[in-house]
Amino acid sequence: MSKTTIPSGGLGGGLPSSLTVGSAAAEDTKVVFDGNAQDYHIGLDDSADDLVIGKGSALGTTAHIVTDENGHVTMPLQPFVYAYMDGDQTMTANDSDEKVELDAELFDVNGDFNTSNNTFTAPVTGIYMVTAHWVINGDLNSNITDMFFKLGASNGDEIVAVQNPQAVQVSTASAFTYLVHGSIQLQMDANDTLIMEADCYSGNGASHQYTLNGGTNPRGDTTRMVIYLLG
């Protein structure tokens, strides 16, 4: 594959009105933008028939945007997190926020979620789609009068759902599974943090416990949170 370098001052006669890169041979072709601190490229990955925009001077090393021959566009490095609880967590109805212990991951494209402190950190400023599922396992005590399910962001809490426990209680001491879920779009700045929370209130002032369900099947009846950068 031949290489042509355009000088910093440009071509004296300018570029033609129509320009073809490549010779129709079975080979990759690319245009490289040679920057001071970072290079970028636009190129044809001929073996995959993909148009690729990426970082660096080598085609295929760090692809940011990929378009295939059918027009499907993917962003392989777009932040995406799927975190879940791999075991049950006992929650206490004491009118205070409790962090949900999301201590396992199904996906984490760029390592933005920390399972040791159950916290997502936004890598860039943008709008994030957050979907959360709280799975209650077992009966609730009738003294619990209010249930709040929240996302605790560094720039303020977001209430996703509010429940009356009578709506989820089947009968005293009955075993059941109940799902509370919701989605919200959050504006987050780079390095803002986000955790999943639950808060319950007991009208008589007593503390009563309930269980959030966890397990080894993250797509099943498991408490979980999914985060994706919209842009």
Protein backbone atom coordinates (compact mmCIF):
# COMPACT_ATOMS: atom_id res chain seq x y z
CA MET A 1 0.00 0.00 0.00
CA SER A 2 1.47 3.34 -1.03
CA LYS A 3 1.59 6.33 1.32
CA THR A 4 1.08 10.01 0.52
CA THR A 5 1.80 12.77 3.01
CA ILE A 6 0.12 16.15 2.60
CA PRO A 7 2.40 18.94 3.88
CA SER A 8 1.19 21.22 6.69
CA GLY A 9 0.70 24.07 4.22
CA GLY A 10 -1.60 21.94 2.06
CA LEU A 11 -1.38 21.12 -1.61
CA GLY A 12 -0.55 24.08 -3.80
CA GLY A 13 -3.20 23.27 -6.35
CA GLY A 14 -5.77 22.00 -3.86
CA LEU A 15 -7.56 18.66 -3.96
CA PRO A 16 -9.49 17.50 -7.03
CA SER A 17 -13.29 17.57 -7.00
CA SER A 18 -13.32 13.77 -6.86
CA LEU A 19 -10.71 11.76 -4.97
CA THR A 20 -10.39 7.99 -4.71
CA VAL A 21 -8.36 6.41 -1.93
CA GLY A 22 -7.18 2.89 -2.78
CA SER A 23 -6.85 0.87 -5.96
CA ALA A 24 -9.71 -1.66 -5.55
CA ALA A 25 -7.16 -4.22 -4.38
CA ALA A 26 -7.83 -6.42 -1.34
CA GLU A 27 -6.14 -4.13 1.15
CA ASP A 28 -6.97 -1.69 3.95
CA THR A 29 -6.94 2.02 3.08
CA LYS A 30 -6.96 4.98 5.43
CA VAL A 31 -6.53 8.71 5.94
CA VAL A 32 -4.48 9.61 9.02
CA PHE A 33 -4.73 12.92 10.87
CA ASP A 34 -1.27 13.36 12.39
CA GLY A 35 -1.70 15.44 15.53
CA ASN A 36 0.82 16.68 18.04
CA ALA A 37 -0.52 14.72 21.04
CA GLN A 38 -2.87 12.25 19.35
CA ASP A 39 -3.45 10.78 15.90
CA TYR A 40 -6.80 9.77 14.42
CA HIS A 41 -7.75 7.87 11.29
CA ILE A 42 -10.63 7.23 8.92
CA GLY A 43 -10.23 4.04 6.96
CA LEU A 44 -11.61 1.01 5.20
CA ASP A 45 -11.14 -2.31 6.97
CA ASP A 46 -11.25 -4.29 3.76
CA SER A 47 -11.39 -7.75 5.34
CA ALA A 48 -14.53 -6.80 7.29
CA ASP A 49 -15.91 -4.31 4.74
CA ASP A 50 -16.21 -1.72 7.53
CA LEU A 51 -15.67 2.02 7.48
CA VAL A 52 -13.81 2.83 10.70
CA ILE A 53 -13.12 6.06 12.58
CA GLY A 54 -10.62 5.55 15.35
CA LYS A 55 -7.68 6.68 17.44
CA GLY A 56 -4.07 6.24 16.39
CA SER A 57 -2.40 5.87 13.04
CA ALA A 58 -2.92 2.10 12.73
CA LEU A 59 -6.25 0.96 11.30
CA GLY A 60 -8.24 -1.28 13.62
CA THR A 61 -6.30 -0.68 16.83
CA THR A 62 -8.81 1.57 18.64
CA ALA A 63 -12.08 1.83 16.72
CA HIS A 64 -14.46 4.56 17.92
CA ILE A 65 -17.19 4.42 15.24
CA VAL A 66 -17.71 1.48 12.87
CA THR A 67 -20.12 1.35 9.92
CA ASP A 68 -20.63 -1.96 8.14
CA GLU A 69 -21.72 -2.58 4.55
CA ASN A 70 -25.38 -2.76 5.64
CA GLY A 71 -25.35 0.63 7.35
CA HIS A 72 -25.21 -0.62 10.93
CA VAL A 73 -23.29 1.83 13.12
CA THR A 74 -21.62 0.70 16.34
CA MET A 75 -19.47 2.46 18.94
CA PRO A 76 -17.38 -0.29 20.55
CA LEU A 77 -16.03 1.94 23.34
CA GLN A 78 -19.27 3.71 24.29
CA PRO A 79 -19.63 3.48 28.10
CA PHE A 80 -21.98 0.63 29.09
CA VAL A 81 -22.36 -0.94 32.54
CA TYR A 82 -24.50 -3.88 33.70
CA ALA A 83 -23.97 -4.33 37.45
CA TYR A 84 -25.91 -6.65 39.76
CA MET A 85 -26.05 -8.19 43.26
CA ASP A 86 -24.60 -11.70 43.39
CA GLY A 87 -26.18 -12.34 46.80
CA ASP A 88 -29.15 -11.20 48.89
CA GLN A 89 -28.99 -7.95 50.88
CA THR A 90 -30.94 -7.26 54.06
CA MET A 91 -32.44 -3.76 54.12
CA THR A 92 -33.82 -1.97 57.21
CA ALA A 93 -36.89 0.29 57.20
CA ASN A 94 -35.41 3.12 59.26
CA ASP A 95 -36.22 6.15 57.08
CA SER A 96 -32.68 6.49 55.73
CA ASP A 97 -31.10 5.78 52.37
CA GLU A 98 -29.24 2.50 52.10
CA LYS A 99 -26.82 1.76 49.30
CA VAL A 100 -27.61 -1.30 47.20
CA GLU A 101 -24.55 -3.54 47.08
CA LEU A 102 -24.04 -4.13 43.38
CA ASP A 103 -20.94 -6.26 43.73
CA ALA A 104 -20.77 -8.07 40.37
CA GLU A 105 -20.84 -7.16 36.68
CA LEU A 106 -22.10 -8.74 33.50
CA PHE A 107 -20.65 -5.97 31.31
CA ASP A 108 -18.43 -2.95 31.92
CA VAL A 109 -17.02 -1.74 28.61
CA ASN A 110 -14.50 0.75 29.97
CA GLY A 111 -14.25 -0.17 33.64
CA ASP A 112 -16.44 2.72 34.86
CA PHE A 113 -18.14 0.77 37.67
CA ASN A 114 -16.38 -0.14 40.92
CA THR A 115 -17.81 -3.29 42.52
CA SER A 116 -15.84 -2.72 45.75
CA ASN A 117 -17.82 0.45 46.58
CA ASN A 118 -20.83 -0.20 44.27
CA THR A 119 -20.28 3.11 42.47
CA PHE A 120 -20.44 4.25 38.84
CA THR A 121 -18.16 7.14 37.88
CA ALA A 122 -19.02 9.07 34.72
CA PRO A 123 -15.99 9.04 32.37
CA VAL A 124 -17.16 12.09 30.39
CA THR A 125 -19.78 14.85 30.63
CA GLY A 126 -22.99 13.74 28.94
CA ILE A 127 -26.51 12.35 29.19
CA TYR A 128 -26.72 8.84 30.65
CA MET A 129 -29.62 6.40 30.44
CA VAL A 130 -29.95 4.57 33.77
CA THR A 131 -32.30 1.62 34.29
CA ALA A 132 -32.61 0.08 37.74
CA HIS A 133 -34.41 -3.04 39.03
CA TRP A 134 -35.03 -3.61 42.75
CA VAL A 135 -36.19 -7.20 43.35
CA ILE A 136 -37.85 -7.79 46.75
CA ASN A 137 -37.71 -11.36 47.98
CA GLY A 138 -40.14 -12.39 50.73
CA ASP A 139 -43.03 -10.73 52.52
CA LEU A 140 -42.98 -7.17 53.86
CA ASN A 141 -43.86 -6.18 57.40
CA SER A 142 -47.18 -4.31 57.49
CA ASN A 143 -45.61 -1.57 59.62
CA ILE A 144 -43.64 -0.32 56.60
CA THR A 145 -45.70 2.57 55.27
CA ASP A 146 -43.56 4.07 52.49
CA MET A 147 -40.89 2.72 50.13
CA PHE A 148 -38.62 4.96 48.04
CA PHE A 149 -36.31 3.62 45.33
CA LYS A 150 -33.60 6.08 44.33
CA LEU A 151 -30.46 6.74 42.38
CA GLY A 152 -27.94 8.60 44.52
CA ALA A 153 -26.01 10.94 42.23
CA SER A 154 -23.25 13.25 43.35
CA ASN A 155 -25.28 16.20 42.06
CA GLY A 156 -28.51 15.09 43.81
CA ASP A 157 -30.77 12.09 44.40
CA GLU A 158 -33.29 11.00 41.78
CA ILE A 159 -36.41 9.16 42.98
CA VAL A 160 -37.24 6.45 40.45
CA ALA A 161 -40.28 4.89 42.17
CA VAL A 162 -42.43 5.26 45.30
CA GLN A 163 -44.44 2.31 46.58
CA ASN A 164 -47.13 1.59 49.14
CA PRO A 165 -46.17 -1.73 50.77
CA GLN A 166 -49.77 -2.94 50.79
CA ALA A 167 -49.51 -3.13 47.01
CA VAL A 168 -46.63 -5.61 47.23
CA GLN A 169 -47.66 -7.60 50.30
CA VAL A 170 -49.64 -10.74 49.49
CA SER A 171 -50.27 -12.05 53.00
CA THR A 172 -48.45 -12.36 56.29
CA ALA A 173 -45.36 -14.56 56.02
CA SER A 174 -46.06 -15.47 52.39
CA ALA A 175 -43.12 -15.98 50.05
CA PHE A 176 -43.11 -13.96 46.85
CA THR A 177 -40.88 -11.92 44.55
CA TYR A 178 -41.77 -8.37 43.57
CA LEU A 179 -40.02 -6.15 41.02
CA VAL A 180 -39.75 -2.36 41.21
CA HIS A 181 -38.07 -0.86 38.19
CA GLY A 182 -37.69 2.37 36.29
CA SER A 183 -35.51 4.32 33.86
CA ILE A 184 -34.28 7.88 33.93
CA GLN A 185 -31.96 10.11 31.90
CA LEU A 186 -29.30 11.84 33.99
CA GLN A 187 -27.00 14.70 33.08
CA MET A 188 -23.64 13.88 34.60
CA ASP A 189 -20.35 15.73 34.49
CA ALA A 190 -17.08 13.87 34.13
CA ASN A 191 -16.17 12.19 37.45
CA ASP A 192 -19.71 12.52 38.86
CA THR A 193 -20.72 9.38 40.76
CA LEU A 194 -23.90 7.31 40.97
CA ILE A 195 -25.13 4.60 43.33
CA MET A 196 -28.36 2.63 43.64
CA GLU A 197 -30.36 3.17 46.85
CA ALA A 198 -33.51 2.13 48.72
CA ASP A 199 -35.29 3.92 51.56
CA CYS A 200 -38.25 2.70 53.60
CA TYR A 201 -40.23 4.29 56.42
CA SER A 202 -41.96 2.58 59.32
CA GLY A 203 -44.90 4.57 60.67
CA ASN A 204 -44.54 3.35 64.24
CA GLY A 205 -40.84 4.19 64.41
CA ALA A 206 -39.72 0.57 64.65
CA SER A 207 -37.12 -0.98 62.37
CA HIS A 208 -38.25 -3.79 60.10
CA GLN A 209 -36.13 -5.73 57.66
CA TYR A 210 -36.76 -6.89 54.14
CA THR A 211 -34.59 -8.56 51.51
CA LEU A 212 -33.37 -7.43 48.11
CA ASN A 213 -32.80 -10.47 45.92
CA GLY A 214 -29.40 -11.24 44.44
CA GLY A 215 -28.01 -14.24 42.65
CA THR A 216 -25.73 -15.68 40.03
CA ASN A 217 -28.22 -15.12 37.19
CA PRO A 218 -27.92 -11.38 36.46
CA ARG A 219 -30.69 -11.47 33.84
CA GLY A 220 -33.16 -13.24 36.10
CA ASP A 221 -34.81 -12.13 39.34
CA THR A 222 -31.71 -10.23 40.46
CA THR A 223 -31.40 -6.63 41.69
CA ARG A 224 -29.41 -4.78 39.03
CA MET A 225 -28.59 -1.48 37.30
CA VAL A 226 -27.75 -0.75 33.66
CA ILE A 227 -26.07 2.48 32.53
CA TYR A 228 -25.40 3.67 28.96
CA LEU A 229 -24.02 6.94 27.64
CA LEU A 230 -26.51 8.45 25.19
CA GLY A 231 -24.27 11.30 24.15
